[in-house]
Amino acid sequence: MKNISNEVLTEIVHIHKILANPSRVKILLRLSEGQQNVSQISETIGLEQSAVSHQLKILKAHHLVTQARAGKAINYQLGDSHILQLLQLSIAHAQELESEHIHDPQPPAHNT
């Protein structure tokens, strides 16, 4: 692997910190299906509109989503395809781990 600058390393860590919030991941996954407005996202993921708006503001500030006005409505979409690729890889990895754990024997109970 090439040498990665400290700035790039910092950005990688920052992106993962942003994605460490389940609500933000749900929003991004919802937007992977196409443009949505706040009320559509809110209804689908089960969060209040104010909470969705707050998370969208964070995602937008970090260029993970963009917005486009359609008349009076504001629709949000993924900022670029890289975030979708990152989410897809994360999902595949998590599902792989989950399927492996289903077949693992239970660890022995510890007597304390």
Protein backbone atom coordinates (compact mmCIF):
# COMPACT_ATOMS: atom_id res chain seq x y z
CA MET A 1 0.00 0.00 0.00
CA LYS A 2 1.22 3.46 -0.83
CA ASN A 3 2.25 5.88 1.84
CA ILE A 4 -0.83 7.65 3.07
CA SER A 5 -0.50 11.19 4.33
CA ASN A 6 -1.53 12.13 7.84
CA GLU A 7 -4.26 14.32 6.35
CA VAL A 8 -5.77 11.34 4.51
CA LEU A 9 -5.53 9.17 7.63
CA THR A 10 -7.27 11.88 9.63
CA GLU A 11 -10.07 12.07 7.04
CA ILE A 12 -10.52 8.28 7.05
CA VAL A 13 -10.92 8.30 10.83
CA HIS A 14 -13.28 11.27 10.62
CA ILE A 15 -15.54 9.56 8.07
CA HIS A 16 -15.73 6.47 10.27
CA LYS A 17 -16.63 8.61 13.28
CA ILE A 18 -19.49 10.13 11.29
CA LEU A 19 -20.63 6.64 10.27
CA ALA A 20 -20.48 5.44 13.89
CA ASN A 21 -23.99 6.85 14.39
CA PRO A 22 -26.75 4.33 13.47
CA SER A 23 -29.19 7.08 12.50
CA ARG A 24 -26.73 8.51 9.97
CA VAL A 25 -26.11 5.08 8.49
CA LYS A 26 -29.88 4.51 8.18
CA ILE A 27 -30.24 7.84 6.41
CA LEU A 28 -27.42 7.08 4.01
CA LEU A 29 -28.84 3.65 3.25
CA ARG A 30 -32.23 5.20 2.60
CA LEU A 31 -30.67 7.75 0.26
CA SER A 32 -28.87 4.96 -1.60
CA GLU A 33 -32.33 4.15 -2.99
CA GLY A 34 -32.68 7.64 -4.49
CA GLN A 35 -33.49 11.23 -3.58
CA GLN A 36 -35.69 11.73 -0.54
CA ASN A 37 -36.99 14.67 1.44
CA VAL A 38 -36.83 14.91 5.23
CA SER A 39 -40.37 13.67 5.77
CA GLN A 40 -39.85 10.61 3.55
CA ILE A 41 -36.64 9.71 5.36
CA SER A 42 -38.25 10.30 8.74
CA GLU A 43 -41.21 8.05 7.96
CA THR A 44 -39.04 5.25 6.61
CA ILE A 45 -36.42 5.09 9.35
CA GLY A 46 -38.68 5.97 12.28
CA LEU A 47 -37.01 9.17 13.49
CA GLU A 48 -38.58 12.54 14.17
CA GLN A 49 -38.14 15.03 11.34
CA SER A 50 -36.08 17.31 13.58
CA ALA A 51 -33.66 14.46 14.33
CA VAL A 52 -33.39 13.59 10.64
CA SER A 53 -32.76 17.25 9.79
CA HIS A 54 -30.02 17.43 12.41
CA GLN A 55 -28.28 14.33 11.06
CA LEU A 56 -28.64 15.53 7.47
CA LYS A 57 -26.98 18.80 8.45
CA ILE A 58 -23.97 16.86 9.77
CA LEU A 59 -23.84 14.59 6.71
CA LYS A 60 -24.11 17.59 4.39
CA ALA A 61 -21.36 19.48 6.23
CA HIS A 62 -19.04 16.56 5.54
CA HIS A 63 -20.12 16.22 1.89
CA LEU A 64 -21.68 12.79 2.40
CA VAL A 65 -25.04 14.10 1.16
CA THR A 66 -26.09 16.94 -1.10
CA GLN A 67 -29.41 18.70 -1.44
CA ALA A 68 -31.43 19.88 -4.40
CA ARG A 69 -34.49 22.08 -4.36
CA ALA A 70 -37.55 20.87 -6.25
CA GLY A 71 -40.07 23.69 -5.98
CA LYS A 72 -40.67 24.17 -2.26
CA ALA A 73 -39.28 20.77 -1.35
CA ILE A 74 -35.65 20.02 -0.59
CA ASN A 75 -34.49 16.57 -1.60
CA TYR A 76 -31.32 14.93 -0.35
CA GLN A 77 -29.09 12.45 -2.13
CA LEU A 78 -25.77 10.74 -1.54
CA GLY A 79 -22.80 13.03 -2.03
CA ASP A 80 -20.86 10.53 -4.12
CA SER A 81 -20.62 6.85 -4.93
CA HIS A 82 -17.70 6.27 -2.56
CA ILE A 83 -19.89 6.45 0.51
CA LEU A 84 -22.25 3.88 -0.98
CA GLN A 85 -19.31 1.57 -1.74
CA LEU A 86 -18.05 1.98 1.82
CA LEU A 87 -21.49 1.13 3.22
CA GLN A 88 -21.88 -1.88 0.92
CA LEU A 89 -18.49 -3.25 2.00
CA SER A 90 -19.37 -2.66 5.65
CA ILE A 91 -22.69 -4.46 5.25
CA ALA A 92 -21.05 -7.42 3.52
CA HIS A 93 -18.41 -7.64 6.23
CA ALA A 94 -20.95 -7.41 9.06
CA GLN A 95 -23.18 -10.05 7.45
CA GLU A 96 -20.20 -12.35 7.01
CA LEU A 97 -19.25 -11.95 10.66
CA GLU A 98 -22.85 -12.51 11.72
CA SER A 99 -23.13 -15.73 9.74
CA GLU A 100 -19.85 -17.01 11.18
CA HIS A 101 -20.97 -16.31 14.75
CA ILE A 102 -24.21 -18.22 14.27
CA HIS A 103 -22.20 -21.40 13.82
CA ASP A 104 -19.62 -20.71 16.53
CA PRO A 105 -20.07 -22.63 19.77
CA GLN A 106 -21.09 -20.52 22.73
CA PRO A 107 -18.11 -19.41 24.82
CA PRO A 108 -17.92 -21.08 28.21
CA ALA A 109 -19.51 -19.21 31.08
CA HIS A 110 -17.09 -17.61 33.49
CA ASN A 111 -17.65 -18.07 37.18
CA THR A 112 -16.77 -14.89 38.99
